[in-house]
Amino acid sequence: MADLPAPEYSRILHIHNSTRTPRRYLILDSDNQTPLYTLTTNSTSLFARKPHMQLYRGPPPTPTTPCIASATFGFFTNTNISLSLSSPSPNSPTATTTTTIKMSSNNKTAGTHSFHSPDLGPLKWKRDGGTHSDLALVDDSGEPLARVQELVDKMAVEGEREWLLEIRSRGVEGRALELVVLGAGVMVENYARRSNDFVGDGNGLFWAKTVESSG
């Protein structure tokens, strides 16, 4: 991953992956116990029930837990991905509105996906190093708002995969943070689907914890 100046703000998420349970992504708070979000993943089959990924607040969802965001991969290619964000309706406290965001890529090898965030404007996930799992989320000026880095040494020692997700802007909070968390999971999942990165039936688990610091 390319070296960058230290940001004025940094929030680090630690993401771990194994293949021992049905694939599920858990984002835990800094105590490594309190769930902030759960990201569930359907089968890697092209014929799996849509949406293919769903984001929930808190611990693993029950049948009545509302989904706050989702992602659907393209049928023949994962270069085009549809994200949906739910938010309270301004006209009714019990209703929700849905915003659809298209992540598109014209170059399969570059691993670049462009989209427009309602809160942050034009954004782009792109490769940020020598591997597909080192990524950066940059704004229209090229300023990195978030970065993803795989810790290869930990994978070799402990038999599991781990990434760091660094949030580098105070503006990435609330709905914008949920979009970044979903996008990071989608990008890792997208590469896994394209490269058959997971063994067996593709089962796995993400554990994540956050540590905040500000300069």
Protein backbone atom coordinates (compact mmCIF):
# COMPACT_ATOMS: atom_id res chain seq x y z
CA MET A 1 0.00 0.00 0.00
CA ALA A 2 1.36 3.41 -0.95
CA ASP A 3 2.62 5.67 1.85
CA LEU A 4 0.47 8.72 2.57
CA PRO A 5 0.85 11.64 5.01
CA ALA A 6 -0.73 10.98 8.40
CA PRO A 7 -4.36 12.13 8.29
CA GLU A 8 -5.80 14.65 10.72
CA TYR A 9 -8.45 12.06 11.60
CA SER A 10 -8.20 8.28 11.63
CA ARG A 11 -10.59 5.53 12.62
CA ILE A 12 -9.31 1.97 12.23
CA LEU A 13 -11.49 -1.11 11.75
CA HIS A 14 -9.88 -4.55 12.06
CA ILE A 15 -11.54 -7.11 9.80
CA HIS A 16 -10.92 -10.84 10.20
CA ASN A 17 -12.02 -13.69 7.95
CA SER A 18 -12.06 -17.46 8.42
CA THR A 19 -13.89 -20.35 6.71
CA ARG A 20 -15.40 -22.07 9.75
CA THR A 21 -18.95 -20.70 9.75
CA PRO A 22 -21.51 -19.49 7.15
CA ARG A 23 -20.11 -16.33 5.65
CA ARG A 24 -21.11 -13.34 7.73
CA TYR A 25 -19.49 -10.00 8.41
CA LEU A 26 -19.62 -8.59 11.95
CA ILE A 27 -18.43 -5.06 12.71
CA LEU A 28 -17.70 -4.79 16.42
CA ASP A 29 -17.04 -1.72 18.56
CA SER A 30 -13.67 -0.99 20.16
CA ASP A 31 -14.41 -3.40 23.04
CA ASN A 32 -14.41 -6.22 20.46
CA GLN A 33 -17.77 -7.36 21.88
CA THR A 34 -20.47 -4.82 21.00
CA PRO A 35 -21.79 -5.34 17.45
CA LEU A 36 -22.20 -2.19 15.42
CA TYR A 37 -23.30 -3.83 12.16
CA THR A 38 -23.85 -7.26 10.66
CA LEU A 39 -23.31 -7.87 6.94
CA THR A 40 -24.80 -11.12 5.67
CA THR A 41 -23.87 -12.81 2.39
CA ASN A 42 -25.93 -15.19 0.27
CA SER A 43 -24.50 -18.03 -1.81
CA THR A 44 -21.84 -17.12 -4.37
CA SER A 45 -24.03 -18.68 -7.07
CA LEU A 46 -25.24 -16.35 -9.83
CA PHE A 47 -28.74 -17.68 -9.09
CA ALA A 48 -28.65 -16.84 -5.36
CA ARG A 49 -31.53 -14.90 -3.83
CA LYS A 50 -31.18 -11.15 -4.27
CA PRO A 51 -29.88 -8.97 -2.78
CA HIS A 52 -26.59 -10.84 -2.41
CA MET A 53 -25.41 -8.88 0.65
CA GLN A 54 -27.46 -7.17 3.38
CA LEU A 55 -26.32 -4.75 6.09
CA TYR A 56 -28.01 -4.54 9.51
CA ARG A 57 -27.34 -2.47 12.61
CA GLY A 58 -26.31 -4.41 15.69
CA PRO A 59 -25.90 -8.17 16.18
CA PRO A 60 -26.87 -10.89 13.68
CA PRO A 61 -30.41 -10.17 12.52
CA THR A 62 -33.66 -11.85 13.42
CA PRO A 63 -36.45 -12.17 10.83
CA THR A 64 -37.85 -8.82 12.03
CA THR A 65 -34.56 -6.88 11.97
CA PRO A 66 -34.76 -4.12 9.33
CA CYS A 67 -32.13 -4.13 6.59
CA ILE A 68 -30.48 -0.71 6.26
CA ALA A 69 -28.48 -1.35 3.07
CA SER A 70 -27.88 -4.07 0.50
CA ALA A 71 -25.78 -4.98 -2.52
CA THR A 72 -26.55 -6.98 -5.66
CA PHE A 73 -23.86 -8.18 -8.05
CA GLY A 74 -24.32 -8.24 -11.82
CA PHE A 75 -25.56 -11.52 -13.30
CA PHE A 76 -22.73 -12.16 -15.76
CA THR A 77 -20.06 -9.88 -14.29
CA ASN A 78 -19.24 -8.38 -10.93
CA THR A 79 -17.88 -5.19 -12.47
CA ASN A 80 -21.32 -3.58 -12.04
CA ILE A 81 -22.80 -3.64 -8.52
CA SER A 82 -26.04 -2.11 -7.27
CA LEU A 83 -26.17 -0.70 -3.71
CA SER A 84 -29.41 0.26 -1.94
CA LEU A 85 -29.54 2.45 1.19
CA SER A 86 -32.64 2.79 3.36
CA SER A 87 -33.33 5.89 5.46
CA PRO A 88 -36.31 7.27 7.42
CA SER A 89 -38.87 9.07 5.28
CA PRO A 90 -39.13 12.81 6.04
CA ASN A 91 -42.92 12.51 5.71
CA SER A 92 -43.52 9.55 8.04
CA PRO A 93 -41.54 8.27 11.06
CA THR A 94 -42.58 4.68 10.27
CA ALA A 95 -41.80 4.75 6.54
CA THR A 96 -38.45 4.51 4.77
CA THR A 97 -37.05 5.75 1.51
CA THR A 98 -34.56 3.82 -0.62
CA THR A 99 -31.61 5.31 -2.47
CA THR A 100 -30.05 3.21 -5.23
CA ILE A 101 -26.36 3.66 -6.05
CA LYS A 102 -24.61 2.06 -9.01
CA MET A 103 -20.99 1.03 -8.64
CA SER A 104 -19.52 0.58 -12.11
CA SER A 105 -16.18 -0.46 -13.52
CA ASN A 106 -14.95 -0.40 -17.13
CA ASN A 107 -11.71 -2.23 -16.43
CA LYS A 108 -11.81 -5.67 -14.81
CA THR A 109 -8.09 -5.82 -14.15
CA ALA A 110 -7.79 -2.44 -12.43
CA GLY A 111 -10.37 -3.24 -9.76
CA THR A 112 -11.76 0.31 -9.89
CA HIS A 113 -15.43 0.98 -9.07
CA SER A 114 -16.91 4.48 -9.37
CA PHE A 115 -20.15 5.69 -7.79
CA HIS A 116 -21.87 8.79 -6.39
CA SER A 117 -22.50 9.09 -2.65
CA PRO A 118 -25.51 11.23 -1.63
CA ASP A 119 -23.43 12.65 1.25
CA LEU A 120 -19.86 12.70 -0.11
CA GLY A 121 -20.27 13.19 -3.87
CA PRO A 122 -18.32 11.30 -6.58
CA LEU A 123 -16.21 8.49 -5.10
CA LYS A 124 -14.08 5.66 -6.38
CA TRP A 125 -12.80 2.41 -4.88
CA LYS A 126 -9.48 1.51 -6.48
CA ARG A 127 -6.46 -0.71 -5.96
CA ASP A 128 -3.92 0.82 -3.59
CA GLY A 129 -0.99 -1.56 -3.72
CA GLY A 130 0.32 -4.75 -5.18
CA THR A 131 -2.69 -6.94 -4.34
CA HIS A 132 -6.39 -6.79 -5.17
CA SER A 133 -7.25 -6.57 -1.47
CA ASP A 134 -5.29 -3.34 -0.88
CA LEU A 135 -7.83 -0.64 -1.71
CA ALA A 136 -8.44 3.08 -1.34
CA LEU A 137 -11.69 5.05 -1.45
CA VAL A 138 -10.93 8.44 -3.00
CA ASP A 139 -13.05 11.51 -3.69
CA ASP A 140 -13.27 13.51 -6.91
CA SER A 141 -9.97 15.28 -6.17
CA GLY A 142 -8.13 12.01 -5.45
CA GLU A 143 -8.09 12.55 -1.68
CA PRO A 144 -8.33 9.21 0.17
CA LEU A 145 -11.33 8.99 2.49
CA ALA A 146 -10.75 5.35 3.45
CA ARG A 147 -8.21 2.59 2.86
CA VAL A 148 -8.27 -1.20 3.07
CA GLN A 149 -5.09 -3.20 3.65
CA GLU A 150 -4.69 -6.94 4.06
CA LEU A 151 -2.33 -8.15 6.78
CA VAL A 152 -0.65 -11.08 5.03
CA ASP A 153 1.64 -11.99 7.96
CA LYS A 154 -1.32 -12.53 10.29
CA MET A 155 -3.02 -14.75 7.72
CA ALA A 156 0.09 -16.94 7.45
CA VAL A 157 0.55 -17.25 11.21
CA GLU A 158 -3.02 -17.70 12.42
CA GLY A 159 -4.67 -19.29 9.40
CA GLU A 160 -7.15 -16.49 8.88
CA ARG A 161 -7.32 -13.31 6.84
CA GLU A 162 -7.29 -9.85 8.32
CA TRP A 163 -7.70 -6.39 6.84
CA LEU A 164 -7.40 -2.90 8.22
CA LEU A 165 -10.11 -0.45 7.16
CA GLU A 166 -9.00 3.09 7.93
CA ILE A 167 -11.51 5.94 7.85
CA ARG A 168 -9.57 9.12 7.09
CA SER A 169 -12.28 11.80 7.14
CA ARG A 170 -14.55 13.11 9.91
CA GLY A 171 -17.27 13.45 7.26
CA VAL A 172 -17.53 9.66 7.03
CA GLU A 173 -20.15 9.09 9.71
CA GLY A 174 -23.79 8.09 9.94
CA ARG A 175 -25.19 7.05 6.57
CA ALA A 176 -21.86 7.83 4.88
CA LEU A 177 -20.05 5.43 7.23
CA GLU A 178 -22.62 2.72 6.52
CA LEU A 179 -22.02 3.19 2.79
CA VAL A 180 -18.24 2.89 3.29
CA VAL A 181 -18.59 -0.21 5.50
CA LEU A 182 -20.89 -1.81 2.93
CA GLY A 183 -18.59 -0.79 0.07
CA ALA A 184 -15.52 -2.25 1.77
CA GLY A 185 -17.29 -5.56 2.33
CA VAL A 186 -18.60 -5.55 -1.23
CA MET A 187 -15.14 -4.95 -2.71
CA VAL A 188 -13.58 -7.79 -0.69
CA GLU A 189 -16.51 -10.08 -1.53
CA ASN A 190 -16.36 -9.08 -5.19
CA TYR A 191 -12.71 -10.07 -5.45
CA ALA A 192 -13.42 -13.33 -3.59
CA ARG A 193 -16.19 -14.21 -6.04
CA ARG A 194 -14.02 -13.42 -9.05
CA SER A 195 -10.99 -15.33 -7.79
CA ASN A 196 -12.68 -18.16 -5.83
CA ASP A 197 -10.75 -16.81 -2.87
CA PHE A 198 -12.64 -18.88 -0.29
CA VAL A 199 -12.29 -22.64 0.07
CA GLY A 200 -15.09 -25.20 0.15
CA ASP A 201 -18.53 -23.64 -0.30
CA GLY A 202 -17.26 -20.11 0.30
CA ASN A 203 -18.21 -19.96 3.96
CA GLY A 204 -16.43 -17.42 6.12
CA LEU A 205 -16.61 -14.90 8.91
CA PHE A 206 -15.57 -11.27 9.32
CA TRP A 207 -14.84 -9.96 12.80
CA ALA A 208 -14.16 -6.24 13.07
CA LYS A 209 -13.41 -3.81 15.85
CA THR A 210 -12.84 -0.08 15.73
CA VAL A 211 -10.35 2.21 17.41
CA GLU A 212 -10.69 5.96 17.04
CA SER A 213 -7.97 8.57 17.24
CA SER A 214 -7.79 12.18 16.22
CA GLY A 215 -4.92 14.52 15.75
